[in-house]
């Protein structure tokens, strides 16, 4: 009985971590890419190697 409770508790904890961590990681990733894109757009086009 105790092993079953421990297994259910671990499964619940794992599911909770996955449900919280995956969306958080995706939000952080999209935020970082948005910041980099904004920085590139502000700096203008690359002048090229012979400018």
PDB file of N, CA and C in Angstrom:
ATOM      1  N   UNK A   1       0.825  -1.196   0.000  1.00  0.00           N
ATOM      2  CA  UNK A   1       0.000   0.000   0.000  1.00  0.00           C
ATOM      3  C   UNK A   1       0.865   1.255   0.000  1.00  0.00           C
ATOM      4  N   UNK A   2       1.916   1.238   0.817  1.00  0.00           N
ATOM      5  CA  UNK A   2       2.798   2.405   0.900  1.00  0.00           C
ATOM      6  C   UNK A   2       3.500   2.649  -0.432  1.00  0.00           C
ATOM      7  N   UNK A   3       3.927   1.596  -1.093  1.00  0.00           N
ATOM      8  CA  UNK A   3       4.596   1.756  -2.385  1.00  0.00           C
ATOM      9  C   UNK A   3       3.661   2.371  -3.418  1.00  0.00           C
ATOM     10  N   UNK A   4       2.405   1.989  -3.357  1.00  0.00           N
ATOM     11  CA  UNK A   4       1.436   2.542  -4.309  1.00  0.00           C
ATOM     12  C   UNK A   4       1.241   4.035  -4.063  1.00  0.00           C
ATOM     13  N   UNK A   5       1.176   4.435  -2.797  1.00  0.00           N
ATOM     14  CA  UNK A   5       1.019   5.857  -2.463  1.00  0.00           C
ATOM     15  C   UNK A   5       2.229   6.639  -2.944  1.00  0.00           C
ATOM     16  N   UNK A   6       3.410   6.108  -2.729  1.00  0.00           N
ATOM     17  CA  UNK A   6       4.636   6.782  -3.168  1.00  0.00           C
ATOM     18  C   UNK A   6       4.650   6.891  -4.684  1.00  0.00           C
ATOM     19  N   UNK A   7       4.263   5.839  -5.370  1.00  0.00           N
ATOM     20  CA  UNK A   7       4.250   5.859  -6.831  1.00  0.00           C
ATOM     21  C   UNK A   7       3.248   6.882  -7.372  1.00  0.00           C
ATOM     22  N   UNK A   8       2.078   6.939  -6.776  1.00  0.00           N
ATOM     23  CA  UNK A   8       1.063   7.913  -7.200  1.00  0.00           C
ATOM     24  C   UNK A   8       1.542   9.334  -6.916  1.00  0.00           C
ATOM     25  N   UNK A   9       2.175   9.547  -5.768  1.00  0.00           N
ATOM     26  CA  UNK A   9       2.681  10.873  -5.421  1.00  0.00           C
ATOM     27  C   UNK A   9       3.782  11.301  -6.391  1.00  0.00           C
ATOM     28  N   UNK A  10       4.681  10.407  -6.719  1.00  0.00           N
ATOM     29  CA  UNK A  10       5.753  10.733  -7.665  1.00  0.00           C
ATOM     30  C   UNK A  10       5.201  11.013  -9.060  1.00  0.00           C
ATOM     31  N   UNK A  11       4.218  10.229  -9.462  1.00  0.00           N
ATOM     32  CA  UNK A  11       3.597  10.458 -10.772  1.00  0.00           C
ATOM     33  C   UNK A  11       2.899  11.808 -10.806  1.00  0.00           C
ATOM     34  N   UNK A  12       2.190  12.143  -9.743  1.00  0.00           N
ATOM     35  CA  UNK A  12       1.512  13.442  -9.679  1.00  0.00           C
ATOM     36  C   UNK A  12       2.516  14.587  -9.702  1.00  0.00           C
ATOM     37  N   UNK A  13       3.619  14.443  -8.990  1.00  0.00           N
ATOM     38  CA  UNK A  13       4.646  15.483  -8.977  1.00  0.00           C
ATOM     39  C   UNK A  13       5.280  15.634 -10.354  1.00  0.00           C
ATOM     40  N   UNK A  14       5.539  14.530 -11.025  1.00  0.00           N
ATOM     41  CA  UNK A  14       6.126  14.585 -12.357  1.00  0.00           C
ATOM     42  C   UNK A  14       5.182  15.254 -13.349  1.00  0.00           C
ATOM     43  N   UNK A  15       3.917  14.902 -13.300  1.00  0.00           N
ATOM     44  CA  UNK A  15       2.930  15.514 -14.191  1.00  0.00           C
ATOM     45  C   UNK A  15       2.832  17.012 -13.926  1.00  0.00           C
ATOM     46  N   UNK A  16       2.836  17.416 -12.657  1.00  0.00           N
ATOM     47  CA  UNK A  16       2.755  18.835 -12.313  1.00  0.00           C
ATOM     48  C   UNK A  16       3.971  19.588 -12.829  1.00  0.00           C
ATOM     49  N   UNK A  17       5.151  19.009 -12.686  1.00  0.00           N
ATOM     50  CA  UNK A  17       6.364  19.669 -13.165  1.00  0.00           C
ATOM     51  C   UNK A  17       6.326  19.816 -14.682  1.00  0.00           C
ATOM     52  N   UNK A  18       5.910  18.782 -15.378  1.00  0.00           N
ATOM     53  CA  UNK A  18       5.838  18.852 -16.834  1.00  0.00           C
ATOM     54  C   UNK A  18       4.814  19.889 -17.276  1.00  0.00           C
ATOM     55  N   UNK A  19       3.657  19.901 -16.633  1.00  0.00           N
ATOM     56  CA  UNK A  19       2.612  20.845 -17.026  1.00  0.00           C
ATOM     57  C   UNK A  19       2.999  22.290 -16.741  1.00  0.00           C
ATOM     58  N   UNK A  20       3.854  22.517 -15.773  1.00  0.00           N
ATOM     59  CA  UNK A  20       4.286  23.877 -15.463  1.00  0.00           C
ATOM     60  C   UNK A  20       5.577  24.260 -16.188  1.00  0.00           C
ATOM     61  N   UNK A  21       6.506  23.325 -16.293  1.00  0.00           N
ATOM     62  CA  UNK A  21       7.825  23.643 -16.836  1.00  0.00           C
ATOM     63  C   UNK A  21       7.806  23.822 -18.347  1.00  0.00           C
ATOM     64  N   UNK A  22       7.056  23.016 -19.054  1.00  0.00           N
ATOM     65  CA  UNK A  22       7.058  23.104 -20.520  1.00  0.00           C
ATOM     66  C   UNK A  22       6.501  24.442 -21.001  1.00  0.00           C
ATOM     67  N   UNK A  23       5.336  24.890 -20.544  1.00  0.00           N
ATOM     68  CA  UNK A  23       4.864  26.206 -20.986  1.00  0.00           C
ATOM     69  C   UNK A  23       5.789  27.342 -20.547  1.00  0.00           C
ATOM     70  N   UNK A  24       6.385  27.219 -19.353  1.00  0.00           N
ATOM     71  CA  UNK A  24       7.306  28.255 -18.895  1.00  0.00           C
ATOM     72  C   UNK A  24       8.535  28.306 -19.791  1.00  0.00           C
ATOM     73  N   UNK A  25       9.077  27.161 -20.153  1.00  0.00           N
ATOM     74  CA  UNK A  25      10.239  27.129 -21.041  1.00  0.00           C
ATOM     75  C   UNK A  25       9.893  27.706 -22.406  1.00  0.00           C
ATOM     76  N   UNK A  26       8.726  27.391 -22.926  1.00  0.00           N
ATOM     77  CA  UNK A  26       8.322  27.944 -24.216  1.00  0.00           C
ATOM     78  C   UNK A  26       8.143  29.459 -24.142  1.00  0.00           C
ATOM     79  N   UNK A  27       7.596  29.956 -23.053  1.00  0.00           N
ATOM     80  CA  UNK A  27       7.416  31.401 -22.893  1.00  0.00           C
ATOM     81  C   UNK A  27       8.761  32.110 -22.799  1.00  0.00           C
ATOM     82  N   UNK A  28       9.692  31.533 -22.068  1.00  0.00           N
ATOM     83  CA  UNK A  28      11.022  32.138 -21.947  1.00  0.00           C
ATOM     84  C   UNK A  28      11.722  32.136 -23.294  1.00  0.00           C
ATOM     85  N   UNK A  29      11.611  31.031 -24.016  1.00  0.00           N
ATOM     86  CA  UNK A  29      12.250  30.936 -25.329  1.00  0.00           C
ATOM     87  C   UNK A  29      11.682  31.968 -26.304  1.00  0.00           C
ATOM     88  N   UNK A  30      10.370  32.093 -26.347  1.00  0.00           N
ATOM     89  CA  UNK A  30       9.780  33.058 -27.273  1.00  0.00           C
ATOM     90  C   UNK A  30      10.124  34.487 -26.860  1.00  0.00           C
ATOM     91  N   UNK A  31      10.227  34.738 -25.574  1.00  0.00           N
ATOM     92  CA  UNK A  31      10.599  36.069 -25.097  1.00  0.00           C
ATOM     93  C   UNK A  31      12.032  36.402 -25.499  1.00  0.00           C
ATOM     94  N   UNK A  32      12.930  35.440 -25.372  1.00  0.00           N
ATOM     95  CA  UNK A  32      14.321  35.687 -25.756  1.00  0.00           C
ATOM     96  C   UNK A  32      14.446  35.927 -27.253  1.00  0.00           C
ATOM     97  N   UNK A  33      13.734  35.138 -28.047  1.00  0.00           N
ATOM     98  CA  UNK A  33      13.783  35.337 -29.493  1.00  0.00           C
ATOM     99  C   UNK A  33      13.184  36.682 -29.882  1.00  0.00           C
ATOM    100  N   UNK A  34      12.133  37.098 -29.197  1.00  0.00           N
ATOM    101  CA  UNK A  34      11.520  38.400 -29.495  1.00  0.00           C
ATOM    102  C   UNK A  34      12.491  39.528 -29.165  1.00  0.00           C
ATOM    103  N   UNK A  35      13.199  39.411 -28.046  1.00  0.00           N
ATOM    104  CA  UNK A  35      14.178  40.435 -27.688  1.00  0.00           C
ATOM    105  C   UNK A  35      15.302  40.511 -28.720  1.00  0.00           C
ATOM    106  N   UNK A  36      15.780  39.356 -29.165  1.00  0.00           N
ATOM    107  CA  UNK A  36      16.848  39.350 -30.165  1.00  0.00           C
ATOM    108  C   UNK A  36      16.361  39.924 -31.486  1.00  0.00           C
ATOM    109  N   UNK A  37      15.138  39.596 -31.877  1.00  0.00           N
ATOM    110  CA  UNK A  37      14.588  40.107 -33.125  1.00  0.00           C
ATOM    111  C   UNK A  37      14.436  41.628 -33.057  1.00  0.00           C
ATOM    112  N   UNK A  38      13.956  42.134 -31.919  1.00  0.00           N
ATOM    113  CA  UNK A  38      13.809  43.582 -31.764  1.00  0.00           C
ATOM    114  C   UNK A  38      15.163  44.279 -31.836  1.00  0.00           C
ATOM    115  N   UNK A  39      16.181  43.671 -31.251  1.00  0.00           N
ATOM    116  CA  UNK A  39      17.520  44.256 -31.296  1.00  0.00           C
ATOM    117  C   UNK A  39      18.027  44.304 -32.733  1.00  0.00           C
ATOM    118  N   UNK A  40      17.811  43.244 -33.476  1.00  0.00           N
ATOM    119  CA  UNK A  40      18.260  43.227 -34.863  1.00  0.00           C
ATOM    120  C   UNK A  40      17.496  44.236 -35.709  1.00  0.00           C
ATOM    121  N   UNK A  41      16.200  44.368 -35.469  1.00  0.00           N
ATOM    122  CA  UNK A  41      15.403  45.311 -36.249  1.00  0.00           C
ATOM    123  C   UNK A  41      15.812  46.749 -35.950  1.00  0.00           C
ATOM    124  N   UNK A  42      16.208  47.043 -34.719  1.00  0.00           N
ATOM    125  CA  UNK A  42      16.622  48.396 -34.370  1.00  0.00           C
ATOM    126  C   UNK A  42      17.988  48.731 -34.955  1.00  0.00           C
ATOM    127  N   UNK A  43      18.860  47.723 -35.073  1.00  0.00           N
ATOM    128  CA  UNK A  43      20.216  47.999 -35.539  1.00  0.00           C
ATOM    129  C   UNK A  43      20.252  48.216 -37.043  1.00  0.00           C
ATOM    130  N   UNK A  44      19.217  47.844 -37.757  1.00  0.00           N
ATOM    131  CA  UNK A  44      19.169  48.059 -39.195  1.00  0.00           C
ATOM    132  C   UNK A  44      19.820  46.938 -39.963  1.00  0.00           C
ATOM    133  N   UNK A  45      19.829  47.068 -41.258  1.00  0.00           N
ATOM    134  CA  UNK A  45      20.414  45.997 -42.083  1.00  0.00           C
ATOM    135  C   UNK A  45      21.926  45.973 -41.947  1.00  0.00           C
ATOM    136  N   UNK A  46      22.455  44.811 -42.180  1.00  0.00           N
ATOM    137  CA  UNK A  46      23.902  44.623 -42.137  1.00  0.00           C
ATOM    138  C   UNK A  46      24.512  45.306 -43.350  1.00  0.00           C
ATOM    139  N   UNK A  47      25.521  46.127 -43.180  1.00  0.00           N
ATOM    140  CA  UNK A  47      26.047  46.884 -44.315  1.00  0.00           C
ATOM    141  C   UNK A  47      26.831  46.059 -45.324  1.00  0.00           C
ATOM    142  N   UNK A  48      27.229  44.883 -44.959  1.00  0.00           N
ATOM    143  CA  UNK A  48      27.969  44.042 -45.891  1.00  0.00           C
ATOM    144  C   UNK A  48      29.451  44.105 -45.613  1.00  0.00           C
ATOM    145  N   UNK A  49      30.218  43.210 -46.227  1.00  0.00           N
ATOM    146  CA  UNK A  49      31.649  43.140 -45.921  1.00  0.00           C
ATOM    147  C   UNK A  49      32.470  44.274 -46.534  1.00  0.00           C
ATOM    148  N   UNK A  50      31.937  44.987 -47.516  1.00  0.00           N
ATOM    149  CA  UNK A  50      32.721  46.003 -48.214  1.00  0.00           C
ATOM    150  C   UNK A  50      32.226  47.411 -47.925  1.00  0.00           C
ATOM    151  N   UNK A  51      31.451  47.574 -46.898  1.00  0.00           N
ATOM    152  CA  UNK A  51      30.903  48.911 -46.615  1.00  0.00           C
ATOM    153  C   UNK A  51      31.909  49.766 -45.893  1.00  0.00           C
TER     154      UNK A  51
END
